[in-house]
C-alpha atoms as a PDB file:
ATOM      1  CA  MET A   1      -7.877  -9.144 -10.016  1.00  0.00           C
ATOM      2  CA  LEU A   2      -4.888  -6.671 -10.328  1.00  0.00           C
ATOM      3  CA  ARG A   3      -5.351  -2.702 -10.148  1.00  0.00           C
ATOM      4  CA  SER A   4      -2.764  -0.211 -11.241  1.00  0.00           C
ATOM      5  CA  MET A   5      -1.675   2.456  -8.711  1.00  0.00           C
ATOM      6  CA  HIS A   6      -2.254   5.101 -11.158  1.00  0.00           C
ATOM      7  CA  GLU A   7      -6.098   3.665 -11.767  1.00  0.00           C
ATOM      8  CA  LEU A   8      -7.018   4.117  -7.984  1.00  0.00           C
ATOM      9  CA  GLU A   9      -5.583   7.292  -7.606  1.00  0.00           C
ATOM     10  CA  ALA A  10      -8.908   9.085  -9.276  1.00  0.00           C
ATOM     11  CA  TYR A  11     -11.167   7.205  -7.458  1.00  0.00           C
ATOM     12  CA  ALA A  12     -13.825   8.870  -5.049  1.00  0.00           C
ATOM     13  CA  ILE A  13     -13.883   7.743  -1.545  1.00  0.00           C
ATOM     14  CA  GLY A  14     -17.610   7.508  -0.232  1.00  0.00           C
ATOM     15  CA  ALA A  15     -18.484   7.392   3.686  1.00  0.00           C
ATOM     16  CA  THR A  16     -21.460   5.869   5.062  1.00  0.00           C
ATOM     17  CA  ASP A  17     -23.464   9.332   4.803  1.00  0.00           C
ATOM     18  CA  GLY A  18     -21.954  10.762   1.811  1.00  0.00           C
ATOM     19  CA  PRO A  19     -18.509  11.733  -0.140  1.00  0.00           C
ATOM     20  CA  ILE A  20     -15.554  12.758   1.370  1.00  0.00           C
ATOM     21  CA  GLY A  21     -12.805  13.215  -1.313  1.00  0.00           C
ATOM     22  CA  HIS A  22     -10.950  11.519  -3.610  1.00  0.00           C
ATOM     23  CA  VAL A  23      -7.982   9.091  -3.414  1.00  0.00           C
ATOM     24  CA  LYS A  24      -4.611  11.322  -3.442  1.00  0.00           C
ATOM     25  CA  ASP A  25      -1.540   8.581  -2.775  1.00  0.00           C
ATOM     26  CA  LEU A  26      -1.371   5.210  -1.557  1.00  0.00           C
ATOM     27  CA  TYR A  27       1.348   4.360   1.375  1.00  0.00           C
ATOM     28  CA  PHE A  28       2.540   1.088   1.345  1.00  0.00           C
ATOM     29  CA  ASP A  29       4.816  -0.315   4.329  1.00  0.00           C
ATOM     30  CA  ASP A  30       8.766  -1.079   3.152  1.00  0.00           C
ATOM     31  CA  GLU A  31       8.534  -4.449   4.895  1.00  0.00           C
ATOM     32  CA  GLY A  32       5.499  -6.470   3.632  1.00  0.00           C
ATOM     33  CA  TRP A  33       4.910  -4.411   0.548  1.00  0.00           C
ATOM     34  CA  ALA A  34       1.354  -4.037   1.372  1.00  0.00           C
ATOM     35  CA  ILE A  35      -1.027  -0.871   0.900  1.00  0.00           C
ATOM     36  CA  ARG A  36      -1.712   0.187   4.477  1.00  0.00           C
ATOM     37  CA  TYR A  37      -3.488   3.649   4.018  1.00  0.00           C
ATOM     38  CA  VAL A  38      -5.006   5.540   1.191  1.00  0.00           C
ATOM     39  CA  VAL A  39      -4.408   9.264   1.392  1.00  0.00           C
ATOM     40  CA  VAL A  40      -7.485  10.851   0.941  1.00  0.00           C
ATOM     41  CA  ASP A  41      -7.934  14.486  -0.329  1.00  0.00           C
ATOM     42  CA  THR A  42     -11.177  15.786   1.434  1.00  0.00           C
ATOM     43  CA  GLY A  43     -11.685  18.430  -1.060  1.00  0.00           C
ATOM     44  CA  THR A  44     -13.452  21.784  -0.572  1.00  0.00           C
ATOM     45  CA  TRP A  45     -15.838  20.378   2.818  1.00  0.00           C
ATOM     46  CA  LEU A  46     -12.484  20.167   4.839  1.00  0.00           C
ATOM     47  CA  SER A  47      -9.998  22.599   3.041  1.00  0.00           C
ATOM     48  CA  SER A  48      -8.595  19.743   0.922  1.00  0.00           C
ATOM     49  CA  ARG A  49      -6.766  18.172   4.362  1.00  0.00           C
ATOM     50  CA  LYS A  50      -5.478  15.168   3.828  1.00  0.00           C
ATOM     51  CA  VAL A  51      -6.131  11.822   6.112  1.00  0.00           C
ATOM     52  CA  LEU A  52      -5.320   8.579   5.986  1.00  0.00           C
ATOM     53  CA  ILE A  53      -7.930   5.546   5.464  1.00  0.00           C
ATOM     54  CA  SER A  54      -7.029   1.661   6.084  1.00  0.00           C
ATOM     55  CA  PRO A  55      -7.926  -0.815   3.604  1.00  0.00           C
ATOM     56  CA  SER A  56      -9.485  -2.532   6.251  1.00  0.00           C
ATOM     57  CA  ALA A  57     -12.284   0.303   6.281  1.00  0.00           C
ATOM     58  CA  MET A  58     -13.011  -0.602   2.721  1.00  0.00           C
ATOM     59  CA  GLY A  59     -16.151  -2.136   1.587  1.00  0.00           C
ATOM     60  CA  GLN A  60     -16.782  -3.977  -1.940  1.00  0.00           C
ATOM     61  CA  PRO A  61     -15.563  -1.291  -4.498  1.00  0.00           C
ATOM     62  CA  ASN A  62     -17.530   0.057  -7.188  1.00  0.00           C
ATOM     63  CA  TRP A  63     -15.164  -0.496 -10.013  1.00  0.00           C
ATOM     64  CA  ALA A  64     -17.404   0.476 -12.842  1.00  0.00           C
ATOM     65  CA  ASP A  65     -18.202   3.967 -11.240  1.00  0.00           C
ATOM     66  CA  ARG A  66     -14.428   4.225  -9.646  1.00  0.00           C
ATOM     67  CA  ILE A  67     -15.818   4.477  -6.175  1.00  0.00           C
ATOM     68  CA  LEU A  68     -14.332   3.150  -3.056  1.00  0.00           C
ATOM     69  CA  PRO A  69     -16.698   2.734  -0.003  1.00  0.00           C
ATOM     70  CA  VAL A  70     -15.667   3.056   3.406  1.00  0.00           C
ATOM     71  CA  SER A  71     -17.427   1.864   6.864  1.00  0.00           C
ATOM     72  CA  ILE A  72     -16.621   5.507   8.394  1.00  0.00           C
ATOM     73  CA  THR A  73     -18.497   8.653   8.646  1.00  0.00           C
ATOM     74  CA  ARG A  74     -17.902  11.970   7.651  1.00  0.00           C
ATOM     75  CA  GLN A  75     -17.580  12.996  11.483  1.00  0.00           C
ATOM     76  CA  GLN A  76     -14.965  10.546  11.944  1.00  0.00           C
ATOM     77  CA  VAL A  77     -13.205  11.702   9.252  1.00  0.00           C
ATOM     78  CA  LYS A  78     -13.633  15.341  10.140  1.00  0.00           C
ATOM     79  CA  ASN A  79     -12.398  14.310  13.346  1.00  0.00           C
ATOM     80  CA  SER A  80      -9.022  12.354  12.057  1.00  0.00           C
ATOM     81  CA  PRO A  81      -5.898  13.751  12.712  1.00  0.00           C
ATOM     82  CA  ASP A  82      -4.414  15.559   9.635  1.00  0.00           C
ATOM     83  CA  ILE A  83      -1.425  14.248   7.742  1.00  0.00           C
ATOM     84  CA  ASP A  84       1.538  15.988   6.243  1.00  0.00           C
ATOM     85  CA  THR A  85       2.310  14.345   3.346  1.00  0.00           C
ATOM     86  CA  ASP A  86       5.561  15.905   3.054  1.00  0.00           C
ATOM     87  CA  LYS A  87       6.797  14.161   6.071  1.00  0.00           C
ATOM     88  CA  PRO A  88       7.617  10.612   6.948  1.00  0.00           C
ATOM     89  CA  VAL A  89       4.842   8.922   8.776  1.00  0.00           C
ATOM     90  CA  SER A  90       5.756   7.306  12.217  1.00  0.00           C
ATOM     91  CA  ARG A  91       3.993   4.489  14.260  1.00  0.00           C
ATOM     92  CA  GLN A  92       3.343   7.262  16.804  1.00  0.00           C
ATOM     93  CA  HIS A  93       1.185   9.183  14.279  1.00  0.00           C
ATOM     94  CA  GLU A  94      -0.457   5.873  12.779  1.00  0.00           C
ATOM     95  CA  MET A  95      -1.576   4.772  16.369  1.00  0.00           C
ATOM     96  CA  ARG A  96      -4.208   7.958  16.433  1.00  0.00           C
ATOM     97  CA  TYR A  97      -5.938   6.617  13.786  1.00  0.00           C
ATOM     98  CA  PRO A  98      -7.376   3.300  15.677  1.00  0.00           C
ATOM     99  CA  GLY A  99      -9.267   5.341  18.018  1.00  0.00           C
ATOM    100  CA  ILE A 100     -10.974   7.356  15.400  1.00  0.00           C
ATOM    101  CA  TYR A 101     -12.186   4.766  12.742  1.00  0.00           C
ATOM    102  CA  GLY A 102     -11.689   1.698  15.328  1.00  0.00           C
ATOM    103  CA  ASP A 103      -9.528  -0.437  12.861  1.00  0.00           C
ATOM    104  CA  PRO A 104      -6.725  -2.251  14.699  1.00  0.00           C
ATOM    105  CA  SER A 105      -3.211  -1.896  14.081  1.00  0.00           C
ATOM    106  CA  TYR A 106      -1.629  -3.995  11.507  1.00  0.00           C
ATOM    107  CA  TRP A 107       2.288  -4.130  13.253  1.00  0.00           C
ATOM    108  CA  GLY A 108       3.301  -6.421  16.121  1.00  0.00           C
ATOM    109  CA  ARG A 109       0.800  -9.246  14.912  1.00  0.00           C
ATOM    110  CA  PRO A 110       1.590 -12.323  12.524  1.00  0.00           C
ATOM    111  CA  GLY A 111       0.736 -12.073   8.961  1.00  0.00           C
ATOM    112  CA  LEU A 112       0.117  -9.175   6.794  1.00  0.00           C
ATOM    113  CA  TRP A 113      -3.516  -8.181   8.070  1.00  0.00           C
ATOM    114  CA  ALA A 114      -3.375  -9.946  11.411  1.00  0.00           C
ATOM    115  CA  GLY A 115      -2.994 -13.418  10.481  1.00  0.00           C
ATOM    116  CA  GLY A 116      -5.311 -13.176   7.514  1.00  0.00           C
ATOM    117  CA  ALA A 117      -4.962 -12.898   3.870  1.00  0.00           C
ATOM    118  CA  CYS A 118      -7.280  -9.681   3.265  1.00  0.00           C
ATOM    119  CA  PRO A 119      -7.798  -6.328   5.325  1.00  0.00           C
ATOM    120  CA  GLY A 120     -11.138  -7.198   6.323  1.00  0.00           C
ATOM    121  CA  VAL A 121     -10.335  -9.774   8.649  1.00  0.00           C
ATOM    122  CA  MET A 122      -8.802  -7.334  10.907  1.00  0.00           C
ATOM    123  CA  LEU A 123     -12.305  -5.781  11.541  1.00  0.00           C
ATOM    124  CA  ALA A 124     -13.775  -8.894  11.561  1.00  0.00           C
ATOM    125  CA  GLY A 125     -11.577 -10.944  13.794  1.00  0.00           C
ATOM    126  CA  VAL A 126     -10.605 -13.316  11.432  1.00  0.00           C
ATOM    127  CA  GLY A 127      -7.394 -14.872  11.624  1.00  0.00           C
ATOM    128  CA  ASP A 128      -7.283 -14.646  15.435  1.00  0.00           C
ATOM    129  CA  GLY A 129      -7.961 -18.408  15.413  1.00  0.00           C
ATOM    130  CA  GLY A 130     -11.541 -17.616  16.695  1.00  0.00           C
ATOM    131  CA  SER A 131      -9.372 -15.697  19.938  1.00  0.00           C
ATOM    132  CA  SER A 132     -12.198 -13.613  21.949  1.00  0.00           C
ATOM    133  CA  ALA A 133     -12.366  -9.734  21.906  1.00  0.00           C
ATOM    134  CA  GLU A 134     -10.542  -9.574  25.300  1.00  0.00           C
ATOM    135  CA  TYR A 135      -7.928 -11.347  23.763  1.00  0.00           C
ATOM    136  CA  ARG A 136      -7.683  -8.994  20.508  1.00  0.00           C
ATOM    137  CA  ILE A 137      -7.753  -5.831  22.742  1.00  0.00           C
ATOM    138  CA  ALA A 138      -4.873  -7.680  24.677  1.00  0.00           C
ATOM    139  CA  GLN A 139      -2.838  -7.993  21.591  1.00  0.00           C
ATOM    140  CA  GLU A 140      -3.732  -4.258  20.576  1.00  0.00           C
ATOM    141  CA  ASP A 141      -2.341  -2.993  23.998  1.00  0.00           C
ATOM    142  CA  HIS A 142       0.700  -4.672  23.512  1.00  0.00           C
ATOM    143  CA  ALA A 143       1.276  -3.580  19.981  1.00  0.00           C
ATOM    144  CA  ARG A 144       0.543   0.014  21.234  1.00  0.00           C
ATOM    145  CA  ALA A 145       2.801  -0.373  24.485  1.00  0.00           C
ATOM    146  CA  GLU A 146       6.008  -0.951  22.175  1.00  0.00           C
ATOM    147  CA  VAL A 147       5.166   1.721  20.211  1.00  0.00           C
ATOM    148  CA  GLU A 148       4.760   4.160  23.114  1.00  0.00           C
ATOM    149  CA  ALA A 149       7.917   2.407  24.486  1.00  0.00           C
ATOM    150  CA  ARG A 150      10.020   3.841  21.442  1.00  0.00           C
ATOM    151  CA  PRO A 151      11.737   7.362  21.587  1.00  0.00           C
ATOM    152  CA  ARG A 152       9.893   9.945  19.701  1.00  0.00           C
ATOM    153  CA  GLU A 153      12.224  10.025  17.130  1.00  0.00           C
ATOM    154  CA  SER A 154      13.108   6.528  16.945  1.00  0.00           C
ATOM    155  CA  GLY A 155      13.562   6.261  12.845  1.00  0.00           C
ATOM    156  CA  ASP A 156      10.174   3.815  12.779  1.00  0.00           C
ATOM    157  CA  HIS A 157       9.069   5.381   9.567  1.00  0.00           C
ATOM    158  CA  HIS A 158       8.259   2.256   7.434  1.00  0.00           C
ATOM    159  CA  LEU A 159       5.405   3.978   5.326  1.00  0.00           C
ATOM    160  CA  ARG A 160       6.146   4.837   1.860  1.00  0.00           C
ATOM    161  CA  SER A 161       4.582   6.951  -0.599  1.00  0.00           C
ATOM    162  CA  CYS A 162       3.482   5.122  -3.990  1.00  0.00           C
ATOM    163  CA  LYS A 163       3.743   8.507  -5.896  1.00  0.00           C
ATOM    164  CA  ALA A 164       7.433   9.365  -4.018  1.00  0.00           C
ATOM    165  CA  VAL A 165       8.776   6.046  -5.400  1.00  0.00           C
ATOM    166  CA  MET A 166       8.038   6.575  -8.876  1.00  0.00           C
ATOM    167  CA  LYS A 167      10.803   7.265 -11.149  1.00  0.00           C
ATOM    168  CA  TYR A 168      13.189   5.333  -8.649  1.00  0.00           C
ATOM    169  CA  HIS A 169      16.018   3.625 -10.548  1.00  0.00           C
ATOM    170  CA  LEU A 170      16.041  -0.192 -10.787  1.00  0.00           C
ATOM    171  CA  LYS A 171      19.481  -1.593 -10.346  1.00  0.00           C
ATOM    172  CA  ALA A 172      20.274  -5.302 -11.673  1.00  0.00           C
ATOM    173  CA  THR A 173      22.964  -7.477 -10.301  1.00  0.00           C
ATOM    174  CA  ASP A 174      24.911  -6.166 -13.595  1.00  0.00           C
ATOM    175  CA  GLY A 175      24.163  -2.652 -13.574  1.00  0.00           C
ATOM    176  CA  GLY A 176      21.175  -0.064 -14.080  1.00  0.00           C
ATOM    177  CA  ILE A 177      18.185  -1.265 -15.888  1.00  0.00           C
ATOM    178  CA  GLY A 178      15.524   1.356 -15.761  1.00  0.00           C
ATOM    179  CA  ARG A 179      13.276   3.295 -13.581  1.00  0.00           C
ATOM    180  CA  LEU A 180       9.817   2.309 -11.457  1.00  0.00           C
ATOM    181  CA  GLN A 181       6.747   3.499 -13.239  1.00  0.00           C
ATOM    182  CA  GLY A 182       3.958   1.834 -11.484  1.00  0.00           C
ATOM    183  CA  LEU A 183       2.651  -0.573  -9.096  1.00  0.00           C
ATOM    184  CA  LEU A 184      -0.053  -3.421  -9.356  1.00  0.00           C
ATOM    185  CA  LEU A 185      -1.800  -4.295  -6.329  1.00  0.00           C
ATOM    186  CA  ASP A 186      -4.293  -7.300  -5.785  1.00  0.00           C
ATOM    187  CA  GLU A 187      -7.693  -5.644  -5.480  1.00  0.00           C
ATOM    188  CA  GLU A 188      -8.525  -8.483  -2.349  1.00  0.00           C
ATOM    189  CA  SER A 189      -5.468  -8.378  -0.395  1.00  0.00           C
ATOM    190  CA  TRP A 190      -3.718  -4.924  -1.158  1.00  0.00           C
ATOM    191  CA  VAL A 191      -0.659  -6.294  -1.551  1.00  0.00           C
ATOM    192  CA  ILE A 192       1.896  -5.129  -4.081  1.00  0.00           C
ATOM    193  CA  GLN A 193       2.233  -8.049  -6.797  1.00  0.00           C
ATOM    194  CA  TYR A 194       4.377  -6.356  -9.348  1.00  0.00           C
ATOM    195  CA  LEU A 195       6.758  -3.244  -9.928  1.00  0.00           C
ATOM    196  CA  ILE A 196       6.301  -1.855 -13.527  1.00  0.00           C
ATOM    197  CA  VAL A 197       9.379  -0.897 -14.587  1.00  0.00           C
ATOM    198  CA  GLU A 198      10.338   1.588 -17.885  1.00  0.00           C
ATOM    199  CA  THR A 199      13.268  -0.150 -19.135  1.00  0.00           C
ATOM    200  CA  GLY A 200      14.025   3.136 -20.999  1.00  0.00           C
ATOM    201  CA  ASN A 201      16.363   3.450 -23.736  1.00  0.00           C
ATOM    202  CA  THR A 202      18.175   0.086 -22.983  1.00  0.00           C
ATOM    203  CA  TRP A 203      15.681  -2.166 -24.993  1.00  0.00           C
ATOM    204  CA  LEU A 204      13.430   0.588 -26.593  1.00  0.00           C
ATOM    205  CA  GLY A 205      11.563   1.567 -23.828  1.00  0.00           C
ATOM    206  CA  HIS A 206       9.130  -1.327 -23.116  1.00  0.00           C
ATOM    207  CA  GLN A 207       7.851  -2.026 -19.651  1.00  0.00           C
ATOM    208  CA  VAL A 208       8.437  -5.255 -17.724  1.00  0.00           C
ATOM    209  CA  LEU A 209       6.923  -6.590 -14.372  1.00  0.00           C
ATOM    210  CA  VAL A 210       9.328  -7.379 -11.370  1.00  0.00           C
ATOM    211  CA  ALA A 211       8.117  -8.816  -8.301  1.00  0.00           C
ATOM    212  CA  PRO A 212       8.648  -6.989  -4.926  1.00  0.00           C
ATOM    213  CA  GLN A 213      10.381 -10.509  -3.677  1.00  0.00           C
ATOM    214  CA  CYS A 214      13.535  -9.817  -6.198  1.00  0.00           C
ATOM    215  CA  ILE A 215      13.926  -6.890  -3.988  1.00  0.00           C
ATOM    216  CA  GLN A 216      17.451  -7.061  -2.391  1.00  0.00           C
ATOM    217  CA  ASN A 217      17.689  -3.608  -1.051  1.00  0.00           C
ATOM    218  CA  VAL A 218      16.220  -0.027  -1.399  1.00  0.00           C
ATOM    219  CA  SER A 219      18.394   3.106  -0.721  1.00  0.00           C
ATOM    220  CA  TRP A 220      15.779   5.259   0.069  1.00  0.00           C
ATOM    221  CA  PRO A 221      18.167   8.172   0.030  1.00  0.00           C
ATOM    222  CA  ASP A 222      19.218   7.459  -3.355  1.00  0.00           C
ATOM    223  CA  HIS A 223      16.093   6.304  -4.949  1.00  0.00           C
ATOM    224  CA  MET A 224      17.760   3.163  -5.967  1.00  0.00           C
ATOM    225  CA  VAL A 225      15.741  -0.341  -5.785  1.00  0.00           C
ATOM    226  CA  SER A 226      18.379  -3.419  -6.264  1.00  0.00           C
ATOM    227  CA  VAL A 227      17.095  -6.578  -7.499  1.00  0.00           C
ATOM    228  CA  SER A 228      18.611  -9.997  -7.596  1.00  0.00           C
ATOM    229  CA  LEU A 229      18.149 -10.419 -11.201  1.00  0.00           C
ATOM    230  CA  THR A 230      20.396  -9.567 -14.002  1.00  0.00           C
ATOM    231  CA  ARG A 231      19.820  -7.494 -16.849  1.00  0.00           C
ATOM    232  CA  GLN A 232      19.469 -10.052 -19.179  1.00  0.00           C
ATOM    233  CA  ALA A 233      16.889 -11.760 -17.185  1.00  0.00           C
ATOM    234  CA  VAL A 234      14.714  -8.768 -16.882  1.00  0.00           C
ATOM    235  CA  LYS A 235      15.167  -8.223 -20.665  1.00  0.00           C
ATOM    236  CA  LYS A 236      13.484 -11.772 -21.153  1.00  0.00           C
ATOM    237  CA  ALA A 237      10.734 -10.858 -18.868  1.00  0.00           C
ATOM    238  CA  PRO A 238       7.254 -10.548 -20.331  1.00  0.00           C
ATOM    239  CA  ARG A 239       6.234  -7.228 -21.597  1.00  0.00           C
ATOM    240  CA  TYR A 240       3.570  -5.440 -19.469  1.00  0.00           C
ATOM    241  CA  LYS A 241       0.715  -3.726 -21.510  1.00  0.00           C
ATOM    242  CA  SER A 242      -1.223  -1.699 -19.573  1.00  0.00           C
ATOM    243  CA  ALA A 243      -4.425  -1.836 -21.984  1.00  0.00           C
ATOM    244  CA  VAL A 244      -4.314  -5.554 -21.209  1.00  0.00           C
ATOM    245  CA  THR A 245      -5.645  -7.246 -17.847  1.00  0.00           C
ATOM    246  CA  LEU A 246      -3.086  -9.778 -16.384  1.00  0.00           C
ATOM    247  CA  ASN A 247      -4.641 -13.108 -16.125  1.00  0.00           C
ATOM    248  CA  ARG A 248      -3.629 -15.938 -13.756  1.00  0.00           C
ATOM    249  CA  SER A 249      -1.834 -18.178 -16.490  1.00  0.00           C
ATOM    250  CA  GLU A 250       0.462 -15.146 -17.326  1.00  0.00           C
ATOM    251  CA  GLU A 251       1.107 -14.345 -13.308  1.00  0.00           C
ATOM    252  CA  ILE A 252       1.830 -18.219 -13.204  1.00  0.00           C
ATOM    253  CA  GLY A 253       4.350 -17.630 -16.018  1.00  0.00           C
ATOM    254  CA  LEU A 254       5.928 -14.880 -15.011  1.00  0.00           C
ATOM    255  CA  ASP A 255       6.345 -16.296 -11.435  1.00  0.00           C
ATOM    256  CA  MET A 256       8.033 -18.996 -13.075  1.00  0.00           C
ATOM    257  CA  HIS A 257      10.458 -16.624 -15.238  1.00  0.00           C
END
């Protein structure tokens, strides 16, 4: 099932020994368009510190009560490094988290989630072809060594704030077409499936869905997303209605379009 980024923003985060805060933002990587971290506002118990928690630490969400349980303790969260949400997140900063939470890095490994389709396989070891713990540790060491070998300011910033990209302009092959209003992600894989685009005054302001696979280029400094679609193709795309759940048959139809 698909979940809206805006829906998840208000969810509470529950550690194994109590609540730790609520979802403030989501960080995705601009290579795989997968959610890599939930930005958690810890509230008054940690002076509203912001910390990152990987989806690989998430348990089965309680959608009815809007709670995301995580397999870590409050003490682990307390010991985790603070995150400055106003600055880019480098690989060097990300490397400080596996030692605290025990979840492996996702970069330098095959597939979006270490060879698996869902983030949970990273902790379970699924997707490593049944490899031993020693082999997985060796993979981790290799990935970490590659990052440590880079200059401190190597420009390896691939994490992007979902909130920050809201209102980015969308440009078709034949001109501007609207602005980014939201993101829809798969609740199991945590992969961004669609961009929600507000067409503005172009066609009476309706919203349409565009898949990340259609993106040709993103100019982060210019806040511009260029897609390999014409304005007419976007105009003919099925309209997005936030109050209606997108079913699988509608997704298939959208993909065919």
